[in-house]
Amino acid sequence: MTCVTKGLLAQFYSSLDFSLRALIHYRTSAAFGKPLDYFIVEEPWRVLEVLEKSVGVHNAELILRMLADWLRRRNCDATIEELRRVLSDRAAWTDKPIGSA
């Protein structure tokens, strides 16, 4: 079983500082008509695309690194490349596990 789950993505997002979540929420809703929460739960393979288009590639990369650090503290050793794949490839949600539990 993969250690990168929709539940963990939602926990990570809710652990972010309120001001950062508010910014992401506003920018994502403006760009896509739906908040990031929707994509985390319903279309997690689009999260990276949504972040890149909502807050920019550089900021999306910073959030990705924050996610990697957050997961590592929870014994999930997914690499940045693995996270990039799982957050941008629909097949990643049906293929082999990403990281280690």
PDB file of N, CA and C in Angstrom:
ATOM      1  N   MET A   1       0.853  -1.192   0.000  1.00  0.00           N
ATOM      2  CA  MET A   1       0.000   0.000   0.000  1.00  0.00           C
ATOM      3  C   MET A   1       0.888   1.240   0.000  1.00  0.00           C
ATOM      4  N   THR A   2       0.504   2.187  -0.779  1.00  0.00           N
ATOM      5  CA  THR A   2       1.290   3.406  -0.895  1.00  0.00           C
ATOM      6  C   THR A   2       1.211   4.265   0.360  1.00  0.00           C
ATOM      7  N   CYS A   3       2.298   4.938   0.640  1.00  0.00           N
ATOM      8  CA  CYS A   3       2.250   5.843   1.793  1.00  0.00           C
ATOM      9  C   CYS A   3       1.720   7.211   1.382  1.00  0.00           C
ATOM     10  N   VAL A   4       1.646   7.495   0.101  1.00  0.00           N
ATOM     11  CA  VAL A   4       1.063   8.755  -0.371  1.00  0.00           C
ATOM     12  C   VAL A   4      -0.406   8.482  -0.684  1.00  0.00           C
ATOM     13  N   THR A   5      -1.264   8.985   0.174  1.00  0.00           N
ATOM     14  CA  THR A   5      -2.695   8.759   0.022  1.00  0.00           C
ATOM     15  C   THR A   5      -3.430  10.101  -0.051  1.00  0.00           C
ATOM     16  N   LYS A   6      -4.661  10.040  -0.484  1.00  0.00           N
ATOM     17  CA  LYS A   6      -5.490  11.246  -0.496  1.00  0.00           C
ATOM     18  C   LYS A   6      -5.625  11.797   0.921  1.00  0.00           C
ATOM     19  N   GLY A   7      -5.758  10.892   1.881  1.00  0.00           N
ATOM     20  CA  GLY A   7      -5.879  11.307   3.281  1.00  0.00           C
ATOM     21  C   GLY A   7      -4.654  12.068   3.763  1.00  0.00           C
ATOM     22  N   LEU A   8      -3.469  11.558   3.425  1.00  0.00           N
ATOM     23  CA  LEU A   8      -2.244  12.259   3.826  1.00  0.00           C
ATOM     24  C   LEU A   8      -2.108  13.591   3.103  1.00  0.00           C
ATOM     25  N   LEU A   9      -2.485  13.635   1.837  1.00  0.00           N
ATOM     26  CA  LEU A   9      -2.434  14.907   1.114  1.00  0.00           C
ATOM     27  C   LEU A   9      -3.360  15.931   1.770  1.00  0.00           C
ATOM     28  N   ALA A  10      -4.541  15.485   2.168  1.00  0.00           N
ATOM     29  CA  ALA A  10      -5.491  16.383   2.839  1.00  0.00           C
ATOM     30  C   ALA A  10      -4.950  16.832   4.191  1.00  0.00           C
ATOM     31  N   GLN A  11      -4.325  15.915   4.937  1.00  0.00           N
ATOM     32  CA  GLN A  11      -3.730  16.276   6.231  1.00  0.00           C
ATOM     33  C   GLN A  11      -2.613  17.290   6.052  1.00  0.00           C
ATOM     34  N   PHE A  12      -1.770  17.073   5.038  1.00  0.00           N
ATOM     35  CA  PHE A  12      -0.698  18.022   4.765  1.00  0.00           C
ATOM     36  C   PHE A  12      -1.277  19.397   4.445  1.00  0.00           C
ATOM     37  N   TYR A  13      -2.242  19.437   3.561  1.00  0.00           N
ATOM     38  CA  TYR A  13      -2.833  20.712   3.160  1.00  0.00           C
ATOM     39  C   TYR A  13      -3.437  21.430   4.362  1.00  0.00           C
ATOM     40  N   SER A  14      -4.123  20.692   5.217  1.00  0.00           N
ATOM     41  CA  SER A  14      -4.734  21.331   6.390  1.00  0.00           C
ATOM     42  C   SER A  14      -3.698  21.741   7.426  1.00  0.00           C
ATOM     43  N   SER A  15      -2.488  21.172   7.361  1.00  0.00           N
ATOM     44  CA  SER A  15      -1.436  21.544   8.312  1.00  0.00           C
ATOM     45  C   SER A  15      -0.713  22.830   7.915  1.00  0.00           C
ATOM     46  N   LEU A  16      -0.921  23.282   6.679  1.00  0.00           N
ATOM     47  CA  LEU A  16      -0.269  24.514   6.231  1.00  0.00           C
ATOM     48  C   LEU A  16      -0.835  25.713   6.984  1.00  0.00           C
ATOM     49  N   ASP A  17      -0.022  26.747   7.091  1.00  0.00           N
ATOM     50  CA  ASP A  17      -0.440  27.980   7.729  1.00  0.00           C
ATOM     51  C   ASP A  17      -1.702  28.510   7.033  1.00  0.00           C
ATOM     52  N   PHE A  18      -2.590  29.082   7.833  1.00  0.00           N
ATOM     53  CA  PHE A  18      -3.871  29.550   7.305  1.00  0.00           C
ATOM     54  C   PHE A  18      -3.701  30.516   6.138  1.00  0.00           C
ATOM     55  N   SER A  19      -2.747  31.427   6.235  1.00  0.00           N
ATOM     56  CA  SER A  19      -2.579  32.423   5.167  1.00  0.00           C
ATOM     57  C   SER A  19      -2.159  31.763   3.851  1.00  0.00           C
ATOM     58  N   LEU A  20      -1.318  30.743   3.917  1.00  0.00           N
ATOM     59  CA  LEU A  20      -0.911  30.021   2.704  1.00  0.00           C
ATOM     60  C   LEU A  20      -2.088  29.247   2.121  1.00  0.00           C
ATOM     61  N   ARG A  21      -2.853  28.579   2.989  1.00  0.00           N
ATOM     62  CA  ARG A  21      -4.044  27.853   2.522  1.00  0.00           C
ATOM     63  C   ARG A  21      -5.046  28.810   1.882  1.00  0.00           C
ATOM     64  N   ALA A  22      -5.231  29.967   2.486  1.00  0.00           N
ATOM     65  CA  ALA A  22      -6.172  30.955   1.937  1.00  0.00           C
ATOM     66  C   ALA A  22      -5.713  31.415   0.553  1.00  0.00           C
ATOM     67  N   LEU A  23      -4.423  31.686   0.409  1.00  0.00           N
ATOM     68  CA  LEU A  23      -3.886  32.094  -0.888  1.00  0.00           C
ATOM     69  C   LEU A  23      -4.101  31.004  -1.928  1.00  0.00           C
ATOM     70  N   ILE A  24      -3.746  29.761  -1.586  1.00  0.00           N
ATOM     71  CA  ILE A  24      -3.913  28.643  -2.516  1.00  0.00           C
ATOM     72  C   ILE A  24      -5.390  28.455  -2.857  1.00  0.00           C
ATOM     73  N   HIS A  25      -6.244  28.523  -1.852  1.00  0.00           N
ATOM     74  CA  HIS A  25      -7.682  28.358  -2.068  1.00  0.00           C
ATOM     75  C   HIS A  25      -8.201  29.411  -3.046  1.00  0.00           C
ATOM     76  N   TYR A  26      -7.863  30.670  -2.787  1.00  0.00           N
ATOM     77  CA  TYR A  26      -8.337  31.767  -3.639  1.00  0.00           C
ATOM     78  C   TYR A  26      -7.823  31.611  -5.069  1.00  0.00           C
ATOM     79  N   ARG A  27      -6.526  31.380  -5.224  1.00  0.00           N
ATOM     80  CA  ARG A  27      -5.926  31.296  -6.559  1.00  0.00           C
ATOM     81  C   ARG A  27      -6.446  30.084  -7.331  1.00  0.00           C
ATOM     82  N   THR A  28      -6.608  28.951  -6.639  1.00  0.00           N
ATOM     83  CA  THR A  28      -7.112  27.739  -7.290  1.00  0.00           C
ATOM     84  C   THR A  28      -8.569  27.909  -7.693  1.00  0.00           C
ATOM     85  N   SER A  29      -9.358  28.465  -6.802  1.00  0.00           N
ATOM     86  CA  SER A  29     -10.772  28.695  -7.111  1.00  0.00           C
ATOM     87  C   SER A  29     -10.930  29.661  -8.279  1.00  0.00           C
ATOM     88  N   ALA A  30     -10.088  30.685  -8.325  1.00  0.00           N
ATOM     89  CA  ALA A  30     -10.157  31.662  -9.419  1.00  0.00           C
ATOM     90  C   ALA A  30      -9.746  31.028 -10.748  1.00  0.00           C
ATOM     91  N   ALA A  31      -8.732  30.179 -10.719  1.00  0.00           N
ATOM     92  CA  ALA A  31      -8.214  29.588 -11.958  1.00  0.00           C
ATOM     93  C   ALA A  31      -9.043  28.405 -12.450  1.00  0.00           C
ATOM     94  N   PHE A  32      -9.571  27.612 -11.527  1.00  0.00           N
ATOM     95  CA  PHE A  32     -10.232  26.361 -11.914  1.00  0.00           C
ATOM     96  C   PHE A  32     -11.700  26.274 -11.510  1.00  0.00           C
ATOM     97  N   GLY A  33     -12.170  27.233 -10.732  1.00  0.00           N
ATOM     98  CA  GLY A  33     -13.559  27.199 -10.293  1.00  0.00           C
ATOM     99  C   GLY A  33     -13.812  26.213  -9.171  1.00  0.00           C
ATOM    100  N   LYS A  34     -12.743  25.623  -8.646  1.00  0.00           N
ATOM    101  CA  LYS A  34     -12.843  24.654  -7.555  1.00  0.00           C
ATOM    102  C   LYS A  34     -11.624  24.836  -6.654  1.00  0.00           C
ATOM    103  N   PRO A  35     -11.781  24.601  -5.344  1.00  0.00           N
ATOM    104  CA  PRO A  35     -10.637  24.737  -4.437  1.00  0.00           C
ATOM    105  C   PRO A  35      -9.688  23.536  -4.560  1.00  0.00           C
ATOM    106  N   LEU A  36      -8.487  23.686  -4.041  1.00  0.00           N
ATOM    107  CA  LEU A  36      -7.511  22.595  -4.101  1.00  0.00           C
ATOM    108  C   LEU A  36      -8.028  21.343  -3.398  1.00  0.00           C
ATOM    109  N   ASP A  37      -8.831  21.524  -2.351  1.00  0.00           N
ATOM    110  CA  ASP A  37      -9.396  20.372  -1.629  1.00  0.00           C
ATOM    111  C   ASP A  37     -10.092  19.406  -2.593  1.00  0.00           C
ATOM    112  N   TYR A  38     -10.824  19.967  -3.547  1.00  0.00           N
ATOM    113  CA  TYR A  38     -11.528  19.134  -4.524  1.00  0.00           C
ATOM    114  C   TYR A  38     -10.538  18.246  -5.280  1.00  0.00           C
ATOM    115  N   PHE A  39      -9.459  18.839  -5.759  1.00  0.00           N
ATOM    116  CA  PHE A  39      -8.485  18.077  -6.544  1.00  0.00           C
ATOM    117  C   PHE A  39      -7.762  17.038  -5.696  1.00  0.00           C
ATOM    118  N   ILE A  40      -7.505  17.362  -4.437  1.00  0.00           N
ATOM    119  CA  ILE A  40      -6.854  16.393  -3.539  1.00  0.00           C
ATOM    120  C   ILE A  40      -7.722  15.153  -3.392  1.00  0.00           C
ATOM    121  N   VAL A  41      -9.012  15.350  -3.224  1.00  0.00           N
ATOM    122  CA  VAL A  41      -9.925  14.232  -2.969  1.00  0.00           C
ATOM    123  C   VAL A  41     -10.391  13.544  -4.249  1.00  0.00           C
ATOM    124  N   GLU A  42     -10.720  14.321  -5.271  1.00  0.00           N
ATOM    125  CA  GLU A  42     -11.329  13.757  -6.473  1.00  0.00           C
ATOM    126  C   GLU A  42     -10.356  13.495  -7.622  1.00  0.00           C
ATOM    127  N   GLU A  43      -9.340  14.324  -7.767  1.00  0.00           N
ATOM    128  CA  GLU A  43      -8.403  14.190  -8.885  1.00  0.00           C
ATOM    129  C   GLU A  43      -6.971  14.471  -8.413  1.00  0.00           C
ATOM    130  N   PRO A  44      -6.445  13.628  -7.525  1.00  0.00           N
ATOM    131  CA  PRO A  44      -5.117  13.906  -6.958  1.00  0.00           C
ATOM    132  C   PRO A  44      -4.003  13.932  -7.997  1.00  0.00           C
ATOM    133  N   TRP A  45      -4.192  13.295  -9.125  1.00  0.00           N
ATOM    134  CA  TRP A  45      -3.185  13.295 -10.189  1.00  0.00           C
ATOM    135  C   TRP A  45      -3.085  14.662 -10.870  1.00  0.00           C
ATOM    136  N   ARG A  46      -3.983  15.579 -10.568  1.00  0.00           N
ATOM    137  CA  ARG A  46      -3.934  16.927 -11.145  1.00  0.00           C
ATOM    138  C   ARG A  46      -3.403  17.974 -10.174  1.00  0.00           C
ATOM    139  N   VAL A  47      -3.070  17.573  -8.950  1.00  0.00           N
ATOM    140  CA  VAL A  47      -2.665  18.527  -7.922  1.00  0.00           C
ATOM    141  C   VAL A  47      -1.460  19.359  -8.353  1.00  0.00           C
ATOM    142  N   LEU A  48      -0.448  18.741  -8.927  1.00  0.00           N
ATOM    143  CA  LEU A  48       0.734  19.494  -9.334  1.00  0.00           C
ATOM    144  C   LEU A  48       0.391  20.504 -10.432  1.00  0.00           C
ATOM    145  N   GLU A  49      -0.354  20.080 -11.420  1.00  0.00           N
ATOM    146  CA  GLU A  49      -0.788  20.986 -12.494  1.00  0.00           C
ATOM    147  C   GLU A  49      -1.565  22.168 -11.934  1.00  0.00           C
ATOM    148  N   VAL A  50      -2.492  21.878 -11.029  1.00  0.00           N
ATOM    149  CA  VAL A  50      -3.330  22.917 -10.442  1.00  0.00           C
ATOM    150  C   VAL A  50      -2.475  23.903  -9.645  1.00  0.00           C
ATOM    151  N   LEU A  51      -1.545  23.389  -8.843  1.00  0.00           N
ATOM    152  CA  LEU A  51      -0.671  24.277  -8.083  1.00  0.00           C
ATOM    153  C   LEU A  51       0.198  25.131  -8.995  1.00  0.00           C
ATOM    154  N   GLU A  52       0.776  24.507 -10.016  1.00  0.00           N
ATOM    155  CA  GLU A  52       1.643  25.254 -10.931  1.00  0.00           C
ATOM    156  C   GLU A  52       0.899  26.388 -11.622  1.00  0.00           C
ATOM    157  N   LYS A  53      -0.327  26.116 -12.053  1.00  0.00           N
ATOM    158  CA  LYS A  53      -1.101  27.146 -12.746  1.00  0.00           C
ATOM    159  C   LYS A  53      -1.693  28.173 -11.786  1.00  0.00           C
ATOM    160  N   SER A  54      -1.899  27.790 -10.534  1.00  0.00           N
ATOM    161  CA  SER A  54      -2.519  28.692  -9.560  1.00  0.00           C
ATOM    162  C   SER A  54      -1.509  29.598  -8.862  1.00  0.00           C
ATOM    163  N   VAL A  55      -0.374  29.039  -8.446  1.00  0.00           N
ATOM    164  CA  VAL A  55       0.595  29.827  -7.668  1.00  0.00           C
ATOM    165  C   VAL A  55       1.953  29.940  -8.343  1.00  0.00           C
ATOM    166  N   GLY A  56       2.087  29.343  -9.519  1.00  0.00           N
ATOM    167  CA  GLY A  56       3.345  29.422 -10.257  1.00  0.00           C
ATOM    168  C   GLY A  56       4.214  28.189 -10.027  1.00  0.00           C
ATOM    169  N   VAL A  57       5.069  27.921 -10.978  1.00  0.00           N
ATOM    170  CA  VAL A  57       5.916  26.720 -10.938  1.00  0.00           C
ATOM    171  C   VAL A  57       6.857  26.739  -9.738  1.00  0.00           C
ATOM    172  N   HIS A  58       7.484  27.887  -9.490  1.00  0.00           N
ATOM    173  CA  HIS A  58       8.437  27.986  -8.382  1.00  0.00           C
ATOM    174  C   HIS A  58       7.759  27.728  -7.039  1.00  0.00           C
ATOM    175  N   ASN A  59       6.611  28.355  -6.810  1.00  0.00           N
ATOM    176  CA  ASN A  59       5.889  28.154  -5.558  1.00  0.00           C
ATOM    177  C   ASN A  59       5.356  26.729  -5.444  1.00  0.00           C
ATOM    178  N   ALA A  60       4.914  26.159  -6.551  1.00  0.00           N
ATOM    179  CA  ALA A  60       4.460  24.764  -6.536  1.00  0.00           C
ATOM    180  C   ALA A  60       5.610  23.842  -6.133  1.00  0.00           C
ATOM    181  N   GLU A  61       6.813  24.132  -6.615  1.00  0.00           N
ATOM    182  CA  GLU A  61       7.996  23.341  -6.260  1.00  0.00           C
ATOM    183  C   GLU A  61       8.291  23.452  -4.766  1.00  0.00           C
ATOM    184  N   LEU A  62       8.167  24.643  -4.217  1.00  0.00           N
ATOM    185  CA  LEU A  62       8.382  24.823  -2.778  1.00  0.00           C
ATOM    186  C   LEU A  62       7.356  24.023  -1.968  1.00  0.00           C
ATOM    187  N   ILE A  63       6.108  24.053  -2.396  1.00  0.00           N
ATOM    188  CA  ILE A  63       5.056  23.293  -1.702  1.00  0.00           C
ATOM    189  C   ILE A  63       5.335  21.803  -1.824  1.00  0.00           C
ATOM    190  N   LEU A  64       5.813  21.362  -2.978  1.00  0.00           N
ATOM    191  CA  LEU A  64       6.164  19.959  -3.177  1.00  0.00           C
ATOM    192  C   LEU A  64       7.267  19.540  -2.207  1.00  0.00           C
ATOM    193  N   ARG A  65       8.268  20.385  -2.023  1.00  0.00           N
ATOM    194  CA  ARG A  65       9.360  20.092  -1.083  1.00  0.00           C
ATOM    195  C   ARG A  65       8.867  20.093   0.358  1.00  0.00           C
ATOM    196  N   MET A  66       7.946  20.994   0.663  1.00  0.00           N
ATOM    197  CA  MET A  66       7.344  21.002   1.999  1.00  0.00           C
ATOM    198  C   MET A  66       6.590  19.692   2.235  1.00  0.00           C
ATOM    199  N   LEU A  67       5.874  19.232   1.211  1.00  0.00           N
ATOM    200  CA  LEU A  67       5.151  17.957   1.303  1.00  0.00           C
ATOM    201  C   LEU A  67       6.120  16.800   1.539  1.00  0.00           C
ATOM    202  N   ALA A  68       7.223  16.781   0.802  1.00  0.00           N
ATOM    203  CA  ALA A  68       8.215  15.706   0.959  1.00  0.00           C
ATOM    204  C   ALA A  68       8.757  15.683   2.384  1.00  0.00           C
ATOM    205  N   ASP A  69       9.082  16.850   2.937  1.00  0.00           N
ATOM    206  CA  ASP A  69       9.581  16.924   4.314  1.00  0.00           C
ATOM    207  C   ASP A  69       8.515  16.467   5.306  1.00  0.00           C
ATOM    208  N   TRP A  70       7.290  16.899   5.095  1.00  0.00           N
ATOM    209  CA  TRP A  70       6.175  16.533   5.975  1.00  0.00           C
ATOM    210  C   TRP A  70       5.956  15.016   5.956  1.00  0.00           C
ATOM    211  N   LEU A  71       5.991  14.420   4.767  1.00  0.00           N
ATOM    212  CA  LEU A  71       5.814  12.972   4.641  1.00  0.00           C
ATOM    213  C   LEU A  71       6.970  12.222   5.290  1.00  0.00           C
ATOM    214  N   ARG A  72       8.184  12.715   5.116  1.00  0.00           N
ATOM    215  CA  ARG A  72       9.365  12.074   5.694  1.00  0.00           C
ATOM    216  C   ARG A  72       9.252  12.003   7.216  1.00  0.00           C
ATOM    217  N   ARG A  73       8.720  13.055   7.831  1.00  0.00           N
ATOM    218  CA  ARG A  73       8.517  13.054   9.285  1.00  0.00           C
ATOM    219  C   ARG A  73       7.458  12.034   9.701  1.00  0.00           C
ATOM    220  N   ARG A  74       6.691  11.552   8.737  1.00  0.00           N
ATOM    221  CA  ARG A  74       5.668  10.535   9.006  1.00  0.00           C
ATOM    222  C   ARG A  74       6.055   9.182   8.409  1.00  0.00           C
ATOM    223  N   ASN A  75       7.354   8.968   8.267  1.00  0.00           N
ATOM    224  CA  ASN A  75       7.919   7.700   7.789  1.00  0.00           C
ATOM    225  C   ASN A  75       7.506   7.321   6.380  1.00  0.00           C
ATOM    226  N   CYS A  76       7.299   8.302   5.545  1.00  0.00           N
ATOM    227  CA  CYS A  76       7.024   8.073   4.130  1.00  0.00           C
ATOM    228  C   CYS A  76       8.162   8.713   3.355  1.00  0.00           C
ATOM    229  N   ASP A  77       8.999   7.892   2.767  1.00  0.00           N
ATOM    230  CA  ASP A  77      10.209   8.382   2.113  1.00  0.00           C
ATOM    231  C   ASP A  77      10.051   8.565   0.604  1.00  0.00           C
ATOM    232  N   ALA A  78       8.957   9.125   0.180  1.00  0.00           N
ATOM    233  CA  ALA A  78       8.746   9.388  -1.244  1.00  0.00           C
ATOM    234  C   ALA A  78       9.701  10.500  -1.683  1.00  0.00           C
ATOM    235  N   THR A  79      10.374  10.296  -2.796  1.00  0.00           N
ATOM    236  CA  THR A  79      11.289  11.308  -3.323  1.00  0.00           C
ATOM    237  C   THR A  79      10.489  12.405  -4.024  1.00  0.00           C
ATOM    238  N   ILE A  80      11.163  13.502  -4.314  1.00  0.00           N
ATOM    239  CA  ILE A  80      10.523  14.600  -5.046  1.00  0.00           C
ATOM    240  C   ILE A  80      10.028  14.091  -6.401  1.00  0.00           C
ATOM    241  N   GLU A  81      10.839  13.277  -7.066  1.00  0.00           N
ATOM    242  CA  GLU A  81      10.440  12.738  -8.372  1.00  0.00           C
ATOM    243  C   GLU A  81       9.202  11.852  -8.245  1.00  0.00           C
ATOM    244  N   GLU A  82       9.152  11.027  -7.203  1.00  0.00           N
ATOM    245  CA  GLU A  82       7.978  10.177  -6.989  1.00  0.00           C
ATOM    246  C   GLU A  82       6.743  11.026  -6.701  1.00  0.00           C
ATOM    247  N   LEU A  83       6.915  12.065  -5.894  1.00  0.00           N
ATOM    248  CA  LEU A  83       5.786  12.947  -5.598  1.00  0.00           C
ATOM    249  C   LEU A  83       5.323  13.669  -6.853  1.00  0.00           C
ATOM    250  N   ARG A  84       6.273  14.110  -7.648  1.00  0.00           N
ATOM    251  CA  ARG A  84       5.926  14.779  -8.903  1.00  0.00           C
ATOM    252  C   ARG A  84       5.088  13.843  -9.767  1.00  0.00           C
ATOM    253  N   ARG A  85       5.482  12.581  -9.809  1.00  0.00           N
ATOM    254  CA  ARG A  85       4.743  11.597 -10.614  1.00  0.00           C
ATOM    255  C   ARG A  85       3.346  11.342 -10.036  1.00  0.00           C
ATOM    256  N   VAL A  86       3.272  11.109  -8.743  1.00  0.00           N
ATOM    257  CA  VAL A  86       1.975  10.760  -8.149  1.00  0.00           C
ATOM    258  C   VAL A  86       0.996  11.939  -8.209  1.00  0.00           C
ATOM    259  N   LEU A  87       1.513  13.158  -8.228  1.00  0.00           N
ATOM    260  CA  LEU A  87       0.641  14.327  -8.270  1.00  0.00           C
ATOM    261  C   LEU A  87       0.379  14.827  -9.684  1.00  0.00           C
ATOM    262  N   SER A  88       0.847  14.065 -10.688  1.00  0.00           N
ATOM    263  CA  SER A  88       0.617  14.498 -12.067  1.00  0.00           C
ATOM    264  C   SER A  88       0.263  13.362 -13.023  1.00  0.00           C
ATOM    265  N   ASP A  89       0.234  12.132 -12.537  1.00  0.00           N
ATOM    266  CA  ASP A  89      -0.007  10.976 -13.403  1.00  0.00           C
ATOM    267  C   ASP A  89      -1.160  10.144 -12.856  1.00  0.00           C
ATOM    268  N   ARG A  90      -2.250  10.110 -13.594  1.00  0.00           N
ATOM    269  CA  ARG A  90      -3.434   9.363 -13.144  1.00  0.00           C
ATOM    270  C   ARG A  90      -3.117   7.889 -12.890  1.00  0.00           C
ATOM    271  N   ALA A  91      -2.245   7.321 -13.709  1.00  0.00           N
ATOM    272  CA  ALA A  91      -1.885   5.908 -13.561  1.00  0.00           C
ATOM    273  C   ALA A  91      -1.183   5.629 -12.231  1.00  0.00           C
ATOM    274  N   ALA A  92      -0.569   6.641 -11.648  1.00  0.00           N
ATOM    275  CA  ALA A  92       0.135   6.454 -10.377  1.00  0.00           C
ATOM    276  C   ALA A  92      -0.818   6.042  -9.262  1.00  0.00           C
ATOM    277  N   TRP A  93      -2.089   6.343  -9.418  1.00  0.00           N
ATOM    278  CA  TRP A  93      -3.070   5.994  -8.385  1.00  0.00           C
ATOM    279  C   TRP A  93      -3.592   4.573  -8.547  1.00  0.00           C
ATOM    280  N   THR A  94      -3.158   3.877  -9.594  1.00  0.00           N
ATOM    281  CA  THR A  94      -3.560   2.482  -9.765  1.00  0.00           C
ATOM    282  C   THR A  94      -2.357   1.567  -9.899  1.00  0.00           C
ATOM    283  N   ASP A  95      -1.151   2.148 -10.035  1.00  0.00           N
ATOM    284  CA  ASP A  95       0.075   1.360 -10.190  1.00  0.00           C
ATOM    285  C   ASP A  95       0.652   0.956  -8.834  1.00  0.00           C
ATOM    286  N   LYS A  96       1.952   0.663  -8.865  1.00  0.00           N
ATOM    287  CA  LYS A  96       2.684   0.257  -7.684  1.00  0.00           C
ATOM    288  C   LYS A  96       2.695   1.367  -6.628  1.00  0.00           C
ATOM    289  N   PRO A  97       2.946   1.000  -5.366  1.00  0.00           N
ATOM    290  CA  PRO A  97       3.024   2.004  -4.288  1.00  0.00           C
ATOM    291  C   PRO A  97       4.152   2.999  -4.535  1.00  0.00           C
ATOM    292  N   ILE A  98       3.936   4.219  -4.049  1.00  0.00           N
ATOM    293  CA  ILE A  98       4.942   5.273  -4.115  1.00  0.00           C
ATOM    294  C   ILE A  98       5.497   5.449  -2.712  1.00  0.00           C
ATOM    295  N   GLY A  99       6.815   5.419  -2.566  1.00  0.00           N
ATOM    296  CA  GLY A  99       7.426   5.583  -1.244  1.00  0.00           C
ATOM    297  C   GLY A  99       7.290   4.307  -0.422  1.00  0.00           C
ATOM    298  N   SER A 100       7.519   4.434   0.859  1.00  0.00           N
ATOM    299  CA  SER A 100       7.407   3.271   1.743  1.00  0.00           C
ATOM    300  C   SER A 100       6.650   3.648   3.002  1.00  0.00           C
ATOM    301  N   ALA A 101       5.825   2.719   3.461  1.00  0.00           N
ATOM    302  CA  ALA A 101       5.027   2.982   4.645  1.00  0.00           C
ATOM    303  C   ALA A 101       5.788   2.660   5.902  1.00  0.00           C
TER     304      ALA A 101
END
